């Protein structure tokens, strides 16, 4: 499981853009995007965390890896 905090995700458009970026990067990725907490949780992916983060950055957002203590 890979978790990112994306503080600059603020609306439904952001959610769709991040989801599309993740799917384009890794078509096998399964993820949940929670706008209220600004969390992107990827539960299944063939790509590694750095590659997924790069895809989110390329979509125009700032993914911050979440520490294990923040995941829950």
Protein backbone atom coordinates (compact mmCIF):
# COMPACT_ATOMS: atom_id res chain seq x y z
CA UNK A 1 0.00 0.00 0.00
CA UNK A 2 1.26 3.46 -0.94
CA UNK A 3 -0.22 6.60 0.63
CA UNK A 4 0.29 10.19 -0.44
CA UNK A 5 -0.97 13.40 1.09
CA UNK A 6 -1.77 15.83 -1.74
CA UNK A 7 -2.44 19.20 -0.07
CA UNK A 8 -3.15 21.05 -3.31
CA UNK A 9 -5.98 18.68 -4.32
CA UNK A 10 -9.08 20.81 -3.78
CA UNK A 11 -11.96 19.73 -6.02
CA UNK A 12 -13.53 17.01 -8.12
CA UNK A 13 -11.46 18.05 -11.14
CA UNK A 14 -8.30 17.43 -9.09
CA UNK A 15 -9.54 13.98 -8.10
CA UNK A 16 -10.28 13.08 -11.73
CA UNK A 17 -6.92 14.44 -12.94
CA UNK A 18 -4.97 12.48 -10.34
CA UNK A 19 -6.98 9.33 -11.04
CA UNK A 20 -6.35 9.67 -14.78
CA UNK A 21 -2.64 10.24 -14.18
CA UNK A 22 -2.38 7.12 -12.02
CA UNK A 23 -4.26 5.00 -14.58
CA UNK A 24 -2.08 6.31 -17.42
CA UNK A 25 1.04 5.49 -15.41
CA UNK A 26 -0.12 2.03 -14.28
CA UNK A 27 -3.29 0.59 -15.78
CA UNK A 28 -3.33 -2.11 -13.07
CA UNK A 29 -3.32 0.42 -10.21
CA UNK A 30 -6.20 0.32 -7.75
CA UNK A 31 -6.58 3.45 -5.70
CA UNK A 32 -8.87 5.47 -3.46
CA UNK A 33 -8.78 9.25 -3.48
CA UNK A 34 -10.26 11.04 -0.46
CA UNK A 35 -10.72 14.73 -1.22
CA UNK A 36 -11.69 15.63 2.36
CA UNK A 37 -8.40 14.35 3.81
CA UNK A 38 -6.30 15.00 0.67
CA UNK A 39 -5.22 11.37 0.72
CA UNK A 40 -4.42 9.17 -2.26
CA UNK A 41 -4.14 5.51 -1.27
CA UNK A 42 -2.86 3.06 -3.85
CA UNK A 43 -3.51 -0.54 -2.87
CA UNK A 44 -2.41 -2.37 -6.00
CA UNK A 45 0.18 -1.17 -8.46
CA UNK A 46 2.93 -2.52 -10.62
CA UNK A 47 4.70 0.85 -10.59
CA UNK A 48 6.74 1.88 -7.57
CA UNK A 49 5.99 4.83 -5.28
CA UNK A 50 8.47 7.15 -7.02
CA UNK A 51 6.91 6.50 -10.42
CA UNK A 52 3.38 7.03 -9.09
CA UNK A 53 4.44 10.24 -7.34
CA UNK A 54 6.00 11.47 -10.59
CA UNK A 55 2.72 10.84 -12.42
CA UNK A 56 0.83 12.89 -9.81
CA UNK A 57 3.43 15.69 -10.10
CA UNK A 58 3.13 15.66 -13.90
CA UNK A 59 -0.62 16.17 -13.46
CA UNK A 60 0.21 19.37 -11.57
CA UNK A 61 -0.05 18.30 -7.94
CA UNK A 62 2.34 17.89 -5.01
CA UNK A 63 2.27 14.37 -3.56
CA UNK A 64 3.88 13.97 -0.15
CA UNK A 65 4.63 10.41 1.01
CA UNK A 66 2.82 9.61 4.25
CA UNK A 67 4.77 8.08 7.10
CA UNK A 68 3.58 4.70 8.38
CA UNK A 69 2.35 6.41 11.58
CA UNK A 70 0.08 8.68 9.48
CA UNK A 71 -1.45 5.78 7.58
CA UNK A 72 -4.38 4.20 9.22
